[in-house]
Amino acid sequence: MKITWNDLIVKFEHLDPKRLTEDWTWLIGDNMKPIIISSIGDMFLSDMKGEIYWLNVGEGKFELVAKDNIEFSEKLKSEEISNEWFMFDLVNEIKNSGLELSKGKLFVIKESQS
């Protein structure tokens, strides 16, 4: 099954950006603006200087990935980097299982109850 950009990101324009980041201010501070949210929940954020950061919510890591939008756009063209950031294989498995990404929702993997 072919993966599209719409499978990899979540539209969030209708949400309050501060609300999206409030649980992470202990790690990212309170001046970060979300620019992309991946379908698996990671965020790409911009600071006041225009630098782009990746918040990897699964690992609780926050790192600078590009000095500006131009560098970020160039990195997105790299299949290796994009796969690390957006986890193509995982999203493909989820899609192949029959799940579809609902508007404004993330893919959530629930642990089975034993």
N, C-alpha and C. Protein backbone atom coordinates (compact mmCIF):
# COMPACT_ATOMS: atom_id res chain seq x y z
N MET A 1 0.85 -1.18 0.00
CA MET A 1 0.00 0.00 0.00
C MET A 1 0.89 1.24 0.00
N LYS A 2 0.57 2.20 -0.83
CA LYS A 2 1.38 3.41 -0.94
C LYS A 2 1.09 4.37 0.22
N ILE A 3 2.17 4.89 0.79
CA ILE A 3 2.05 5.87 1.88
C ILE A 3 2.13 7.27 1.28
N THR A 4 1.24 8.14 1.71
CA THR A 4 1.25 9.52 1.25
C THR A 4 1.60 10.44 2.42
N TRP A 5 1.88 11.68 2.08
CA TRP A 5 2.18 12.67 3.13
C TRP A 5 1.02 12.76 4.12
N ASN A 6 -0.21 12.61 3.64
CA ASN A 6 -1.38 12.67 4.52
C ASN A 6 -1.43 11.51 5.51
N ASP A 7 -0.73 10.41 5.22
CA ASP A 7 -0.63 9.30 6.16
C ASP A 7 0.42 9.58 7.24
N LEU A 8 1.32 10.50 6.96
CA LEU A 8 2.47 10.73 7.83
C LEU A 8 2.31 11.93 8.76
N ILE A 9 1.37 12.82 8.45
CA ILE A 9 1.19 14.01 9.29
C ILE A 9 -0.26 14.18 9.71
N VAL A 10 -0.44 15.00 10.73
CA VAL A 10 -1.77 15.32 11.24
C VAL A 10 -1.98 16.82 11.10
N LYS A 11 -3.09 17.20 10.53
CA LYS A 11 -3.43 18.63 10.44
C LYS A 11 -3.90 19.09 11.82
N PHE A 12 -3.38 20.22 12.27
CA PHE A 12 -3.70 20.68 13.63
C PHE A 12 -4.02 22.17 13.68
N GLU A 13 -4.26 22.78 12.52
CA GLU A 13 -4.50 24.22 12.47
C GLU A 13 -5.70 24.64 13.34
N HIS A 14 -6.63 23.74 13.56
CA HIS A 14 -7.83 24.05 14.33
C HIS A 14 -7.60 23.97 15.84
N LEU A 15 -6.39 23.58 16.25
CA LEU A 15 -6.08 23.42 17.67
C LEU A 15 -5.18 24.55 18.17
N ASP A 16 -5.25 24.81 19.46
CA ASP A 16 -4.41 25.82 20.11
C ASP A 16 -2.99 25.27 20.22
N PRO A 17 -2.00 25.92 19.58
CA PRO A 17 -0.62 25.41 19.61
C PRO A 17 -0.07 25.27 21.03
N LYS A 18 -0.42 26.19 21.92
CA LYS A 18 0.06 26.09 23.31
C LYS A 18 -0.47 24.83 23.99
N ARG A 19 -1.68 24.49 23.66
CA ARG A 19 -2.29 23.28 24.24
C ARG A 19 -1.56 22.02 23.76
N LEU A 20 -1.08 22.04 22.51
CA LEU A 20 -0.38 20.89 21.96
C LEU A 20 0.96 20.64 22.64
N THR A 21 1.58 21.71 23.13
CA THR A 21 2.92 21.58 23.70
C THR A 21 2.96 21.66 25.22
N GLU A 22 1.83 21.95 25.86
CA GLU A 22 1.85 22.22 27.30
C GLU A 22 2.40 21.07 28.15
N ASP A 23 2.20 19.84 27.75
CA ASP A 23 2.73 18.72 28.54
C ASP A 23 4.23 18.53 28.35
N TRP A 24 4.80 19.24 27.41
CA TRP A 24 6.22 19.07 27.11
C TRP A 24 7.06 20.30 27.46
N THR A 25 6.48 21.32 28.09
CA THR A 25 7.24 22.54 28.38
C THR A 25 8.44 22.27 29.28
N TRP A 26 8.37 21.25 30.11
CA TRP A 26 9.50 20.89 30.97
C TRP A 26 10.73 20.54 30.13
N LEU A 27 10.53 20.09 28.90
CA LEU A 27 11.63 19.69 28.02
C LEU A 27 11.92 20.73 26.94
N ILE A 28 10.87 21.33 26.38
CA ILE A 28 11.04 22.21 25.22
C ILE A 28 10.95 23.70 25.54
N GLY A 29 10.56 24.05 26.75
CA GLY A 29 10.34 25.46 27.09
C GLY A 29 8.95 25.88 26.63
N ASP A 30 8.68 27.18 26.72
CA ASP A 30 7.32 27.62 26.38
C ASP A 30 7.26 28.58 25.19
N ASN A 31 8.34 28.63 24.41
CA ASN A 31 8.36 29.52 23.24
C ASN A 31 8.46 28.77 21.92
N MET A 32 8.08 27.51 21.90
CA MET A 32 8.19 26.72 20.68
C MET A 32 6.84 26.66 19.97
N LYS A 33 6.91 26.75 18.64
CA LYS A 33 5.69 26.74 17.82
C LYS A 33 5.68 25.45 16.98
N PRO A 34 4.64 24.62 17.14
CA PRO A 34 4.56 23.41 16.31
C PRO A 34 4.39 23.76 14.84
N ILE A 35 5.16 23.06 13.98
CA ILE A 35 5.01 23.28 12.54
C ILE A 35 4.54 22.01 11.83
N ILE A 36 4.89 20.84 12.38
CA ILE A 36 4.43 19.56 11.84
C ILE A 36 4.21 18.61 13.00
N ILE A 37 3.12 17.86 12.94
CA ILE A 37 2.89 16.77 13.89
C ILE A 37 2.78 15.49 13.06
N SER A 38 3.61 14.52 13.41
CA SER A 38 3.58 13.26 12.67
C SER A 38 2.39 12.42 13.13
N SER A 39 2.00 11.49 12.30
CA SER A 39 0.86 10.63 12.62
C SER A 39 1.14 9.70 13.78
N ILE A 40 2.41 9.58 14.18
CA ILE A 40 2.74 8.77 15.35
C ILE A 40 2.95 9.62 16.59
N GLY A 41 2.74 10.95 16.46
CA GLY A 41 2.73 11.82 17.63
C GLY A 41 3.94 12.69 17.85
N ASP A 42 5.01 12.49 17.08
CA ASP A 42 6.17 13.36 17.23
C ASP A 42 5.85 14.74 16.67
N MET A 43 6.57 15.75 17.17
CA MET A 43 6.35 17.12 16.71
C MET A 43 7.64 17.73 16.20
N PHE A 44 7.48 18.57 15.20
CA PHE A 44 8.56 19.42 14.74
C PHE A 44 8.15 20.83 15.10
N LEU A 45 9.07 21.52 15.78
CA LEU A 45 8.76 22.83 16.34
C LEU A 45 9.80 23.84 15.91
N SER A 46 9.39 25.10 15.86
CA SER A 46 10.27 26.18 15.49
C SER A 46 10.42 27.13 16.67
N ASP A 47 11.64 27.62 16.87
CA ASP A 47 11.84 28.61 17.93
C ASP A 47 11.78 30.01 17.33
N MET A 48 12.05 31.01 18.14
CA MET A 48 11.93 32.40 17.69
C MET A 48 12.99 32.77 16.65
N LYS A 49 14.08 32.01 16.57
CA LYS A 49 15.14 32.26 15.58
C LYS A 49 14.87 31.52 14.27
N GLY A 50 13.84 30.67 14.25
CA GLY A 50 13.52 29.91 13.05
C GLY A 50 14.19 28.56 12.98
N GLU A 51 14.91 28.18 14.05
CA GLU A 51 15.52 26.85 14.09
C GLU A 51 14.43 25.80 14.28
N ILE A 52 14.64 24.61 13.70
CA ILE A 52 13.64 23.55 13.74
C ILE A 52 14.15 22.43 14.65
N TYR A 53 13.26 22.00 15.55
CA TYR A 53 13.56 20.95 16.51
C TYR A 53 12.61 19.78 16.33
N TRP A 54 13.08 18.60 16.66
CA TRP A 54 12.28 17.38 16.63
C TRP A 54 12.03 16.94 18.06
N LEU A 55 10.76 16.85 18.43
CA LEU A 55 10.36 16.29 19.71
C LEU A 55 9.93 14.86 19.46
N ASN A 56 10.77 13.92 19.84
CA ASN A 56 10.49 12.50 19.71
C ASN A 56 9.78 12.08 20.99
N VAL A 57 8.46 12.02 20.94
CA VAL A 57 7.69 11.77 22.16
C VAL A 57 7.84 10.34 22.68
N GLY A 58 8.13 9.40 21.80
CA GLY A 58 8.32 8.01 22.23
C GLY A 58 9.55 7.84 23.10
N GLU A 59 10.59 8.60 22.79
CA GLU A 59 11.84 8.50 23.54
C GLU A 59 12.05 9.67 24.49
N GLY A 60 11.16 10.66 24.44
CA GLY A 60 11.32 11.84 25.29
C GLY A 60 12.57 12.63 24.96
N LYS A 61 12.90 12.71 23.68
CA LYS A 61 14.08 13.46 23.23
C LYS A 61 13.66 14.70 22.46
N PHE A 62 14.47 15.73 22.59
CA PHE A 62 14.23 17.00 21.91
C PHE A 62 15.56 17.44 21.33
N GLU A 63 15.62 17.56 20.00
CA GLU A 63 16.89 17.90 19.39
C GLU A 63 16.75 18.83 18.21
N LEU A 64 17.74 19.68 18.04
CA LEU A 64 17.83 20.58 16.90
C LEU A 64 18.09 19.74 15.65
N VAL A 65 17.27 19.93 14.60
CA VAL A 65 17.46 19.17 13.36
C VAL A 65 17.77 20.06 12.15
N ALA A 66 17.50 21.35 12.25
CA ALA A 66 17.79 22.25 11.12
C ALA A 66 17.89 23.69 11.62
N LYS A 67 18.79 24.43 10.99
CA LYS A 67 18.97 25.82 11.41
C LYS A 67 17.88 26.75 10.88
N ASP A 68 17.15 26.28 9.84
CA ASP A 68 16.06 27.08 9.27
C ASP A 68 15.16 26.19 8.40
N ASN A 69 14.10 26.78 7.85
CA ASN A 69 13.15 26.03 7.02
C ASN A 69 13.79 25.46 5.76
N ILE A 70 14.76 26.17 5.21
CA ILE A 70 15.42 25.69 3.99
C ILE A 70 16.18 24.40 4.27
N GLU A 71 16.97 24.38 5.34
CA GLU A 71 17.70 23.16 5.70
C GLU A 71 16.73 22.04 6.05
N PHE A 72 15.65 22.36 6.75
CA PHE A 72 14.65 21.36 7.12
C PHE A 72 14.03 20.75 5.86
N SER A 73 13.66 21.58 4.91
CA SER A 73 13.08 21.09 3.65
C SER A 73 14.05 20.17 2.91
N GLU A 74 15.32 20.52 2.92
CA GLU A 74 16.33 19.68 2.27
C GLU A 74 16.43 18.32 2.97
N LYS A 75 16.40 18.33 4.29
CA LYS A 75 16.50 17.07 5.04
C LYS A 75 15.27 16.19 4.80
N LEU A 76 14.11 16.80 4.62
CA LEU A 76 12.90 16.02 4.35
C LEU A 76 13.00 15.26 3.03
N LYS A 77 13.85 15.72 2.13
CA LYS A 77 14.03 15.05 0.84
C LYS A 77 14.85 13.76 0.98
N SER A 78 15.56 13.62 2.09
CA SER A 78 16.36 12.42 2.34
C SER A 78 15.44 11.31 2.84
N GLU A 79 15.40 10.21 2.10
CA GLU A 79 14.54 9.09 2.51
C GLU A 79 14.96 8.53 3.87
N GLU A 80 16.26 8.46 4.11
CA GLU A 80 16.75 7.92 5.38
C GLU A 80 16.31 8.77 6.56
N ILE A 81 16.49 10.08 6.45
CA ILE A 81 16.11 10.99 7.53
C ILE A 81 14.59 11.00 7.70
N SER A 82 13.86 11.12 6.60
CA SER A 82 12.39 11.15 6.67
C SER A 82 11.85 9.86 7.29
N ASN A 83 12.46 8.74 6.96
CA ASN A 83 12.02 7.47 7.53
C ASN A 83 12.25 7.44 9.03
N GLU A 84 13.39 7.98 9.48
CA GLU A 84 13.66 8.04 10.92
C GLU A 84 12.63 8.93 11.61
N TRP A 85 12.31 10.06 11.01
CA TRP A 85 11.39 11.01 11.62
C TRP A 85 9.94 10.57 11.56
N PHE A 86 9.53 9.94 10.47
CA PHE A 86 8.11 9.63 10.26
C PHE A 86 7.77 8.15 10.29
N MET A 87 8.77 7.30 10.42
CA MET A 87 8.61 5.85 10.58
C MET A 87 7.71 5.22 9.52
N PHE A 88 8.16 5.33 8.27
CA PHE A 88 7.40 4.81 7.13
C PHE A 88 6.95 3.36 7.33
N ASP A 89 7.87 2.51 7.78
CA ASP A 89 7.55 1.08 7.92
C ASP A 89 6.41 0.86 8.92
N LEU A 90 6.47 1.56 10.05
CA LEU A 90 5.41 1.42 11.06
C LEU A 90 4.08 1.92 10.52
N VAL A 91 4.08 3.08 9.87
CA VAL A 91 2.85 3.63 9.31
C VAL A 91 2.30 2.69 8.24
N ASN A 92 3.18 2.11 7.45
CA ASN A 92 2.75 1.17 6.42
C ASN A 92 2.11 -0.07 7.06
N GLU A 93 2.71 -0.59 8.14
CA GLU A 93 2.12 -1.73 8.85
C GLU A 93 0.73 -1.39 9.39
N ILE A 94 0.62 -0.21 9.95
CA ILE A 94 -0.67 0.23 10.50
C ILE A 94 -1.71 0.31 9.39
N LYS A 95 -1.34 0.91 8.27
CA LYS A 95 -2.28 1.02 7.14
C LYS A 95 -2.65 -0.36 6.60
N ASN A 96 -1.65 -1.25 6.49
CA ASN A 96 -1.91 -2.59 5.98
C ASN A 96 -2.80 -3.41 6.91
N SER A 97 -2.85 -3.01 8.19
CA SER A 97 -3.73 -3.70 9.13
C SER A 97 -5.19 -3.27 8.97
N GLY A 98 -5.41 -2.26 8.12
CA GLY A 98 -6.77 -1.79 7.85
C GLY A 98 -7.13 -0.51 8.56
N LEU A 99 -6.25 0.01 9.40
CA LEU A 99 -6.55 1.26 10.10
C LEU A 99 -6.27 2.45 9.19
N GLU A 100 -7.10 3.44 9.28
CA GLU A 100 -6.92 4.68 8.54
C GLU A 100 -6.80 5.82 9.54
N LEU A 101 -6.04 6.82 9.19
CA LEU A 101 -5.86 7.98 10.04
C LEU A 101 -7.08 8.88 9.91
N SER A 102 -7.78 9.10 11.01
CA SER A 102 -8.94 9.99 11.01
C SER A 102 -8.45 11.44 11.06
N LYS A 103 -9.25 12.34 10.52
CA LYS A 103 -8.89 13.76 10.49
C LYS A 103 -8.57 14.25 11.90
N GLY A 104 -7.38 14.84 12.04
CA GLY A 104 -6.98 15.42 13.31
C GLY A 104 -6.60 14.42 14.38
N LYS A 105 -6.41 13.15 14.03
CA LYS A 105 -6.10 12.12 15.01
C LYS A 105 -4.73 11.51 14.74
N LEU A 106 -4.13 10.91 15.77
CA LEU A 106 -2.87 10.21 15.67
C LEU A 106 -3.12 8.72 15.59
N PHE A 107 -2.16 8.00 15.03
CA PHE A 107 -2.18 6.55 15.17
C PHE A 107 -1.76 6.25 16.60
N VAL A 108 -2.53 5.45 17.30
CA VAL A 108 -2.20 5.09 18.67
C VAL A 108 -2.13 3.58 18.76
N ILE A 109 -1.00 3.09 19.25
CA ILE A 109 -0.82 1.66 19.44
C ILE A 109 -1.16 1.35 20.89
N LYS A 110 -2.18 0.57 21.09
CA LYS A 110 -2.58 0.20 22.44
C LYS A 110 -2.00 -1.17 22.79
N GLU A 111 -1.47 -1.25 24.01
CA GLU A 111 -0.97 -2.53 24.46
C GLU A 111 -2.16 -3.42 24.78
N SER A 112 -2.01 -4.70 24.47
CA SER A 112 -3.11 -5.61 24.74
C SER A 112 -3.23 -5.85 26.24
N GLN A 113 -4.44 -6.03 26.69
CA GLN A 113 -4.71 -6.31 28.10
C GLN A 113 -4.56 -7.79 28.35
N SER A 114 -3.67 -8.18 29.23
CA SER A 114 -3.47 -9.60 29.52
C SER A 114 -4.08 -9.97 30.83
